[in-house]
Amino acid sequence: GSRFSAPELAGVMESLQLEFGLQYLTGTGYGLDVEEQTGLTIGLTKLKTAERFDKIWVWGKIFGTTKDYYVAFGVLDGQKEYPVKKFFWATDSYNFAELPKSEDSVAPAAQAVEGPFFGEPDRLLGISVEGLNLTELERLSATVRAIDQDTAVVPRGAFVLNDHNKLVPSFSFQGLSFDEATQLACYQHFRPPASVTRLRALATNEVEFHHNCLDPIEKDLPKGCWSVRVDKSMMYVNLRSLMWPGYVAFHLVGSSSFGGIYIGHGDRNGDLPFILP
């Protein structure tokens, strides 16, 4: 399919504006140093040319005991209403390759593996599914897609369905007000909707739905799995996932700038439902 050109898609986490975006995401305690930023910018510029994407976005980093994994994505504009992300991975060479799709039969087993990643993509996990010996690369793919499904936060109104029922950036989006920016109800997941209400609305072509066509994060379970923090300057807001520690999103209040990144160990906080009040 053709490439999806969305200047506001992940806001400023586009590879060429990485440094700008990272200044709003430092609250996690993790970041990307200058060497990593340079490596990513060079590697992703090459990838963008090779894959003929208008834009490539930095998805994040998963720590490994030997080497860390860097993950990026481009967006394909296919025949469906919602664009499809194409993921890429690299280690410290920053030579990005496509992250294989995570097959439904393989994903649960690959994701169930415990312990740290090693940073060795061909390393066998010691598990076979349907005669296939799973590798760490399959685990990486399953983990990245699981995290992305639960996170990928964008402000409400940044995307709309057009007259052809295609999800496109809203060029009238000027950002959330300060009050809106502090409310979970004003953020959504950039992914095909999973909620029945939204799928039904898509089928009936309701006009109101065109501006509210993504799943709101406030409905995520367990309740309380997101934390909202306002910066001291009152200029931007951070949202952190307590389900996937290491994911943080930001929105610059009253502007079309927003973004998110995951920098962590690939661990889901399975104890969260028991910890939350």
Protein backbone atom coordinates (compact mmCIF):
# COMPACT_ATOMS: atom_id res chain seq x y z
CA GLY A 1 0.00 0.00 0.00
CA SER A 2 0.94 3.63 -0.14
CA ARG A 3 2.69 5.38 2.74
CA PHE A 4 0.68 7.23 5.35
CA SER A 5 1.91 10.79 5.68
CA ALA A 6 0.92 11.99 9.12
CA PRO A 7 2.95 14.91 10.35
CA GLU A 8 1.30 14.77 13.75
CA LEU A 9 1.22 10.98 14.09
CA ALA A 10 3.63 10.52 16.96
CA GLY A 11 4.21 14.22 17.10
CA VAL A 12 7.84 14.93 17.50
CA MET A 13 9.11 11.39 18.03
CA GLU A 14 9.80 11.37 14.32
CA SER A 15 13.45 10.41 13.96
CA LEU A 16 14.60 13.83 12.79
CA GLN A 17 13.11 15.59 15.82
CA LEU A 18 14.10 13.02 18.40
CA GLU A 19 16.10 15.38 20.60
CA PHE A 20 13.18 17.83 20.79
CA GLY A 21 10.75 15.10 21.86
CA LEU A 22 13.04 13.54 24.45
CA GLN A 23 13.17 16.71 26.53
CA TYR A 24 9.50 16.13 27.40
CA LEU A 25 10.03 12.47 28.27
CA THR A 26 12.91 12.61 30.72
CA GLY A 27 10.71 11.98 33.76
CA THR A 28 10.94 8.19 33.38
CA GLY A 29 14.52 8.07 34.59
CA TYR A 30 15.51 6.48 31.27
CA GLY A 31 16.57 8.33 28.18
CA LEU A 32 18.68 8.02 25.05
CA ASP A 33 22.19 9.47 25.18
CA VAL A 34 23.75 11.59 22.45
CA GLU A 35 25.50 8.59 20.86
CA GLU A 36 22.22 6.67 20.67
CA GLN A 37 20.37 9.68 19.26
CA THR A 38 23.03 10.11 16.56
CA GLY A 39 23.04 6.38 15.72
CA LEU A 40 19.24 6.30 15.54
CA THR A 41 19.03 9.41 13.36
CA ILE A 42 21.56 8.02 10.85
CA GLY A 43 20.12 4.48 10.89
CA LEU A 44 16.52 5.64 10.52
CA THR A 45 17.36 8.12 7.75
CA LYS A 46 18.80 5.17 5.77
CA LEU A 47 15.75 3.06 6.59
CA LYS A 48 13.34 5.80 5.51
CA THR A 49 15.04 6.01 2.12
CA ALA A 50 15.24 2.23 1.67
CA GLU A 51 11.60 1.66 2.65
CA ARG A 52 10.31 4.83 0.92
CA PHE A 53 8.47 6.06 3.97
CA ASP A 54 7.66 9.75 4.29
CA LYS A 55 8.37 9.45 7.98
CA ILE A 56 9.82 6.93 10.42
CA TRP A 57 9.10 7.14 14.15
CA VAL A 58 11.19 6.01 17.09
CA TRP A 59 9.14 3.49 19.09
CA GLY A 60 11.67 2.91 21.85
CA LYS A 61 14.28 0.65 23.34
CA ILE A 62 14.21 -2.69 25.16
CA PHE A 63 17.18 -3.41 27.39
CA GLY A 64 19.21 -6.58 26.84
CA THR A 65 21.96 -8.06 28.99
CA THR A 66 24.43 -8.19 26.05
CA LYS A 67 22.98 -5.58 23.68
CA ASP A 68 19.90 -3.38 23.71
CA TYR A 69 17.20 -3.47 21.03
CA TYR A 70 16.05 -0.27 19.32
CA VAL A 71 12.61 -0.30 17.70
CA ALA A 72 11.10 2.05 15.11
CA PHE A 73 8.02 2.01 12.89
CA GLY A 74 6.57 3.41 9.69
CA VAL A 75 2.87 3.49 8.88
CA LEU A 76 1.34 1.77 5.87
CA ASP A 77 -1.84 3.19 4.44
CA GLY A 78 -3.60 0.04 3.30
CA GLN A 79 -7.17 -0.67 2.25
CA LYS A 80 -8.40 -0.66 5.85
CA GLU A 81 -9.90 2.24 7.80
CA TYR A 82 -6.98 2.26 10.21
CA PRO A 83 -3.32 2.52 9.17
CA VAL A 84 -1.06 -0.45 9.90
CA LYS A 85 2.30 -0.03 11.63
CA LYS A 86 5.35 -1.74 10.19
CA PHE A 87 7.97 -2.29 12.89
CA PHE A 88 11.77 -2.43 12.54
CA TRP A 89 14.51 -3.44 14.96
CA ALA A 90 18.27 -2.98 15.38
CA THR A 91 20.95 -3.42 18.02
CA ASP A 92 23.98 -1.15 18.48
CA SER A 93 24.82 -1.16 14.74
CA TYR A 94 21.60 0.81 14.08
CA ASN A 95 21.12 -1.22 10.89
CA PHE A 96 17.37 -1.65 10.99
CA ALA A 97 15.57 -4.73 9.68
CA GLU A 98 11.85 -5.51 9.62
CA LEU A 99 10.52 -7.03 12.83
CA PRO A 100 8.74 -10.24 11.78
CA LYS A 101 4.99 -10.31 12.33
CA SER A 102 3.93 -12.01 15.52
CA GLU A 103 1.69 -14.93 14.56
CA ASP A 104 -1.32 -15.50 16.82
CA SER A 105 -0.22 -19.09 17.47
CA VAL A 106 3.28 -18.03 18.55
CA ALA A 107 2.71 -14.72 20.40
CA PRO A 108 1.33 -16.05 23.75
CA ALA A 109 4.18 -18.57 24.16
CA ALA A 110 6.85 -16.07 23.11
CA GLN A 111 5.46 -13.42 25.45
CA ALA A 112 5.18 -15.81 28.39
CA VAL A 113 8.98 -16.22 28.54
CA GLU A 114 10.30 -14.65 31.74
CA GLY A 115 13.65 -13.12 32.52
CA PRO A 116 15.64 -10.44 30.72
CA PHE A 117 16.20 -10.10 27.00
CA PHE A 118 19.78 -10.85 25.93
CA GLY A 119 20.05 -8.75 22.78
CA GLU A 120 20.78 -11.90 20.77
CA PRO A 121 18.01 -12.21 18.15
CA ASP A 122 18.85 -15.81 17.10
CA ARG A 123 19.04 -17.12 20.66
CA LEU A 124 16.64 -20.06 21.12
CA LEU A 125 14.03 -19.68 23.84
CA GLY A 126 13.79 -23.41 24.45
CA ILE A 127 10.15 -23.44 23.36
CA SER A 128 8.63 -24.84 20.19
CA VAL A 129 5.19 -24.05 18.80
CA GLU A 130 3.80 -26.13 15.94
CA GLY A 131 7.29 -27.53 15.34
CA LEU A 132 8.90 -24.08 15.22
CA ASN A 133 11.75 -23.40 17.66
CA LEU A 134 11.12 -19.88 18.93
CA THR A 135 13.91 -17.33 19.03
CA GLU A 136 14.39 -14.12 20.97
CA LEU A 137 13.42 -12.16 17.86
CA GLU A 138 9.95 -13.75 18.04
CA ARG A 139 9.77 -12.80 21.71
CA LEU A 140 10.80 -9.23 20.84
CA SER A 141 8.10 -9.01 18.17
CA ALA A 142 5.36 -10.34 20.47
CA THR A 143 6.44 -8.01 23.30
CA VAL A 144 6.65 -4.86 21.16
CA ARG A 145 3.19 -5.49 19.68
CA ALA A 146 1.67 -6.23 23.11
CA ILE A 147 3.10 -3.00 24.55
CA ASP A 148 1.98 -1.01 21.51
CA GLN A 149 -1.56 -2.40 21.77
CA ASP A 150 -1.81 -1.22 25.39
CA THR A 151 -0.10 2.16 24.93
CA ALA A 152 0.39 4.24 21.71
CA VAL A 153 -1.32 7.27 23.26
CA VAL A 154 -2.49 10.27 21.21
CA PRO A 155 -4.62 13.28 22.25
CA ARG A 156 -8.32 13.11 21.37
CA GLY A 157 -9.06 14.99 18.16
CA ALA A 158 -5.57 14.57 16.66
CA PHE A 159 -7.02 12.05 14.18
CA VAL A 160 -10.37 11.89 12.44
CA LEU A 161 -12.09 9.57 10.01
CA ASN A 162 -12.49 11.29 6.67
CA ASP A 163 -15.42 10.91 4.24
CA HIS A 164 -13.89 7.69 2.92
CA ASN A 165 -13.75 6.26 6.46
CA LYS A 166 -9.94 6.50 6.54
CA LEU A 167 -8.16 7.62 9.68
CA VAL A 168 -6.18 10.78 8.90
CA PRO A 169 -4.46 13.52 10.91
CA SER A 170 -6.82 16.36 11.73
CA PHE A 171 -5.24 19.49 10.34
CA SER A 172 -7.57 21.58 12.49
CA PHE A 173 -6.15 20.03 15.69
CA GLN A 174 -4.57 22.80 17.76
CA GLY A 175 -3.93 20.76 20.89
CA LEU A 176 -5.84 20.20 24.11
CA SER A 177 -6.53 22.99 26.60
CA PHE A 178 -4.80 22.75 29.97
CA ASP A 179 -7.94 21.32 31.64
CA GLU A 180 -8.44 18.76 28.88
CA ALA A 181 -4.77 17.77 28.86
CA THR A 182 -4.95 16.65 32.49
CA GLN A 183 -7.93 14.31 31.90
CA LEU A 184 -7.51 10.68 30.81
CA ALA A 185 -10.80 10.99 28.88
CA CYS A 186 -8.98 13.25 26.40
CA TYR A 187 -6.46 10.63 25.26
CA GLN A 188 -6.89 7.66 22.93
CA HIS A 189 -5.01 4.63 21.59
CA PHE A 190 -3.64 4.97 18.05
CA ARG A 191 -4.81 1.54 16.90
CA PRO A 192 -7.93 -0.04 15.39
CA PRO A 193 -10.67 0.23 18.04
CA ALA A 194 -11.39 -2.86 20.09
CA SER A 195 -14.50 -1.53 21.86
CA VAL A 196 -17.87 -2.74 20.58
CA THR A 197 -19.39 0.77 20.77
CA ARG A 198 -16.81 2.18 18.41
CA LEU A 199 -16.95 -0.73 16.00
CA ARG A 200 -20.74 -0.38 15.84
CA ALA A 201 -20.44 3.37 15.23
CA LEU A 202 -17.96 2.70 12.43
CA ALA A 203 -20.48 0.38 10.78
CA THR A 204 -23.33 2.90 11.05
CA ASN A 205 -21.19 5.82 9.87
CA GLU A 206 -22.17 8.21 12.66
CA VAL A 207 -20.85 11.72 12.12
CA GLU A 208 -19.94 12.27 15.78
CA PHE A 209 -17.84 9.11 15.63
CA HIS A 210 -15.61 10.59 12.94
CA HIS A 211 -14.03 12.85 15.56
CA ASN A 212 -14.04 10.27 18.30
CA CYS A 213 -13.10 7.10 16.50
CA LEU A 214 -10.38 5.66 18.71
CA ASP A 215 -10.61 3.82 22.04
CA PRO A 216 -10.23 6.14 25.06
CA ILE A 217 -7.46 5.18 27.50
CA GLU A 218 -9.71 5.96 30.50
CA LYS A 219 -11.54 2.66 29.83
CA ASP A 220 -8.32 0.64 30.13
CA LEU A 221 -8.24 -2.08 32.79
CA PRO A 222 -7.31 -2.31 35.55
CA LYS A 223 -8.71 1.10 36.44
CA GLY A 224 -5.86 3.33 37.55
CA CYS A 225 -3.28 1.87 35.15
CA TRP A 226 -2.38 5.36 33.87
CA SER A 227 -0.83 8.20 35.81
CA VAL A 228 -1.02 11.83 34.66
CA ARG A 229 1.66 14.30 35.68
CA VAL A 230 1.72 18.02 34.90
CA ASP A 231 5.15 19.58 34.47
CA LYS A 232 6.09 22.37 36.91
CA SER A 233 6.10 24.85 34.02
CA MET A 234 2.43 23.86 33.32
CA MET A 235 3.42 23.68 29.64
CA TYR A 236 3.15 19.95 29.10
CA VAL A 237 1.61 16.80 30.51
CA ASN A 238 3.14 13.32 30.86
CA LEU A 239 1.13 10.10 30.90
CA ARG A 240 2.80 7.00 32.25
CA SER A 241 1.70 3.41 31.90
CA LEU A 242 1.79 1.53 35.19
CA MET A 243 0.98 -1.66 33.25
CA TRP A 244 4.12 -1.34 31.09
CA PRO A 245 6.65 0.60 33.22
CA GLY A 246 8.91 2.46 30.79
CA TYR A 247 6.17 3.81 28.51
CA VAL A 248 5.60 7.55 28.74
CA ALA A 249 3.67 9.91 26.47
CA PHE A 250 3.58 13.69 26.45
CA HIS A 251 1.43 16.48 25.07
CA LEU A 252 2.52 20.09 24.79
CA VAL A 253 -0.62 21.92 25.93
CA GLY A 254 -2.31 24.08 23.29
CA SER A 255 -0.13 22.78 20.45
CA SER A 256 -0.19 19.92 17.96
CA SER A 257 2.98 18.43 19.52
CA PHE A 258 2.67 15.07 21.23
CA GLY A 259 4.59 11.82 21.32
CA GLY A 260 5.49 8.75 23.27
CA ILE A 261 8.33 6.32 23.79
CA TYR A 262 8.94 3.01 25.55
CA ILE A 263 12.30 2.49 27.25
CA GLY A 264 12.25 -0.53 29.51
CA HIS A 265 12.85 -4.24 30.02
CA GLY A 266 9.77 -5.50 28.18
CA ASP A 267 8.11 -6.53 31.45
CA ARG A 268 4.38 -6.24 31.98
CA ASN A 269 3.40 -5.43 35.56
CA GLY A 270 1.22 -8.48 36.16
CA ASP A 271 0.76 -7.58 39.85
CA LEU A 272 -0.88 -4.24 39.02
CA PRO A 273 -4.52 -5.35 39.56
CA PHE A 274 -3.58 -6.42 43.11
CA ILE A 275 -1.63 -3.26 43.93
CA LEU A 276 -4.14 -0.65 42.79
CA PRO A 277 -6.80 0.48 45.31
